[in-house]
Amino acid sequence: KPEEQESRALVSAIIPVSTHLTLGAGWNYYREDNPRLVDIFFGRISWYPGSYDPDEQFPNPDGPEGNPAFTLSGGGSEYGFFGQLDIIFPLARNYSIGITVRGERVPTPYVRTAMLGGWFQYYPGIL
């Protein structure tokens, strides 16, 4: 049913600080307010142990191929806060796999949540 569908808008900025480090911040807008939404505002720091090849024209945006990347995010809303670690494995120029570990805390009613997930990212415009 369309009336049961939720929608979200995301605005974020990522700033490269060096060849191995980026900082970012963002905001999520949800169509409906819910006391379990703890990621309205967030910050992010990403560390890339490997460096991009300066001659590569269209590199994988998740990091240099064959080198893991690590992203630590955290933030909150008036309902609570969260922390998240993503370990990203860029396998080729146009795809990556990743593991996510996330924790959330909502004080009223008191709820603590831990999550573990995996994902696949594909970039069709990068050949």
Protein backbone atom coordinates (compact mmCIF):
# COMPACT_ATOMS: atom_id res chain seq x y z
CA LYS A 1 0.00 0.00 0.00
CA PRO A 2 1.43 3.40 -0.91
CA GLU A 3 0.29 5.00 2.35
CA GLU A 4 2.45 2.51 4.29
CA GLN A 5 5.62 3.35 2.36
CA GLU A 6 8.23 5.45 4.12
CA SER A 7 10.44 7.97 2.39
CA ARG A 8 13.73 9.57 3.34
CA ALA A 9 15.94 12.31 1.94
CA LEU A 10 19.68 12.44 2.68
CA VAL A 11 21.98 15.45 2.44
CA SER A 12 25.68 14.97 3.17
CA ALA A 13 29.06 16.51 2.49
CA ILE A 14 32.39 14.69 2.38
CA ILE A 15 35.67 16.60 2.52
CA PRO A 16 39.02 14.93 1.72
CA VAL A 17 41.56 15.96 4.36
CA SER A 18 44.47 13.94 2.94
CA THR A 19 45.04 11.01 0.57
CA HIS A 20 44.11 8.64 3.41
CA LEU A 21 41.43 10.54 5.37
CA THR A 22 38.03 12.14 4.73
CA LEU A 23 35.57 13.88 7.04
CA GLY A 24 31.87 14.28 6.49
CA ALA A 25 28.57 15.34 8.01
CA GLY A 26 24.98 14.99 7.01
CA TRP A 27 21.29 15.13 7.72
CA ASN A 28 18.44 12.68 7.08
CA TYR A 29 14.89 13.88 6.55
CA TYR A 30 12.12 11.35 7.17
CA ARG A 31 8.55 11.91 6.01
CA GLU A 32 7.17 10.59 9.30
CA ASP A 33 8.55 11.29 12.75
CA ASN A 34 9.28 8.20 14.85
CA PRO A 35 10.95 7.84 18.27
CA ARG A 36 13.25 5.13 16.85
CA LEU A 37 14.86 7.50 14.30
CA VAL A 38 18.23 8.25 15.88
CA ASP A 39 20.19 9.23 12.75
CA ILE A 40 18.77 12.66 11.89
CA PHE A 41 22.21 14.31 12.18
CA PHE A 42 25.52 12.49 11.77
CA GLY A 43 29.26 12.90 11.37
CA ARG A 44 31.65 10.59 9.57
CA ILE A 45 35.37 9.92 9.39
CA SER A 46 36.86 7.56 6.80
CA TRP A 47 40.35 6.12 6.70
CA TYR A 48 41.89 4.57 3.59
CA PRO A 49 45.13 2.60 4.29
CA GLY A 50 45.94 2.48 0.55
CA SER A 51 46.32 5.48 -1.75
CA TYR A 52 44.56 6.04 -5.06
CA ASP A 53 46.63 5.80 -8.22
CA PRO A 54 46.96 9.46 -9.35
CA ASP A 55 46.76 8.38 -13.03
CA GLU A 56 43.47 6.49 -12.63
CA GLN A 57 40.67 8.45 -14.26
CA PHE A 58 37.58 6.88 -12.63
CA PRO A 59 38.55 5.11 -9.38
CA ASN A 60 36.16 3.25 -7.09
CA PRO A 61 34.64 5.90 -4.75
CA ASP A 62 34.81 3.45 -1.81
CA GLY A 63 38.63 3.38 -1.89
CA PRO A 64 41.54 1.94 -3.83
CA GLU A 65 40.94 -1.55 -5.23
CA GLY A 66 42.31 -4.36 -3.10
CA ASN A 67 42.65 -2.21 0.04
CA PRO A 68 40.03 -2.13 2.79
CA ALA A 69 38.55 1.18 3.90
CA PHE A 70 37.11 2.00 7.33
CA THR A 71 34.32 4.46 8.08
CA LEU A 72 33.20 5.43 11.57
CA SER A 73 29.88 7.30 11.81
CA GLY A 74 27.92 8.62 14.73
CA GLY A 75 25.15 11.04 15.50
CA GLY A 76 21.68 11.31 16.82
CA SER A 77 18.40 13.12 17.19
CA GLU A 78 16.18 14.23 20.05
CA TYR A 79 15.27 10.53 20.49
CA GLY A 80 18.72 8.99 20.98
CA PHE A 81 22.06 8.34 19.33
CA PHE A 82 23.93 5.79 17.21
CA GLY A 83 27.43 4.67 16.27
CA GLN A 84 28.39 2.70 13.18
CA LEU A 85 31.52 1.07 11.76
CA ASP A 86 31.69 0.12 8.08
CA ILE A 87 34.51 -2.03 6.72
CA ILE A 88 34.55 -1.70 2.95
CA PHE A 89 36.35 -3.94 0.47
CA PRO A 90 36.65 -2.34 -3.02
CA LEU A 91 37.03 -5.38 -5.28
CA ALA A 92 37.06 -3.66 -8.68
CA ARG A 93 36.57 -0.19 -10.15
CA ASN A 94 32.79 -0.56 -10.15
CA TYR A 95 31.88 -2.71 -7.15
CA SER A 96 32.58 -3.18 -3.45
CA ILE A 97 31.34 -5.33 -0.61
CA GLY A 98 31.09 -4.25 3.00
CA ILE A 99 30.31 -5.19 6.57
CA THR A 100 28.38 -2.87 8.89
CA VAL A 101 28.29 -2.98 12.70
CA ARG A 102 25.83 -0.51 14.25
CA GLY A 103 24.58 0.28 17.72
CA GLU A 104 21.66 2.51 18.73
CA ARG A 105 20.34 3.75 22.05
CA VAL A 106 16.95 5.30 22.74
CA PRO A 107 16.44 6.46 26.36
CA THR A 108 12.63 6.61 26.49
CA PRO A 109 11.48 3.85 26.35
CA TYR A 110 14.95 2.47 27.04
CA VAL A 111 16.05 0.42 24.03
CA ARG A 112 19.54 -0.63 22.99
CA THR A 113 20.00 -2.21 19.59
CA ALA A 114 23.02 -3.87 17.96
CA MET A 115 23.06 -4.75 14.27
CA LEU A 116 25.39 -6.60 11.95
CA GLY A 117 24.94 -6.46 8.20
CA GLY A 118 26.58 -6.95 4.87
CA TRP A 119 26.08 -5.17 1.56
CA PHE A 120 27.12 -4.97 -2.07
CA GLN A 121 27.69 -1.67 -3.90
CA TYR A 122 27.66 -1.49 -7.70
CA TYR A 123 28.58 1.60 -9.75
CA PRO A 124 27.22 1.04 -13.29
CA GLY A 125 28.68 4.26 -14.73
CA ILE A 126 32.28 3.24 -13.98
CA LEU A 127 33.62 0.83 -16.61
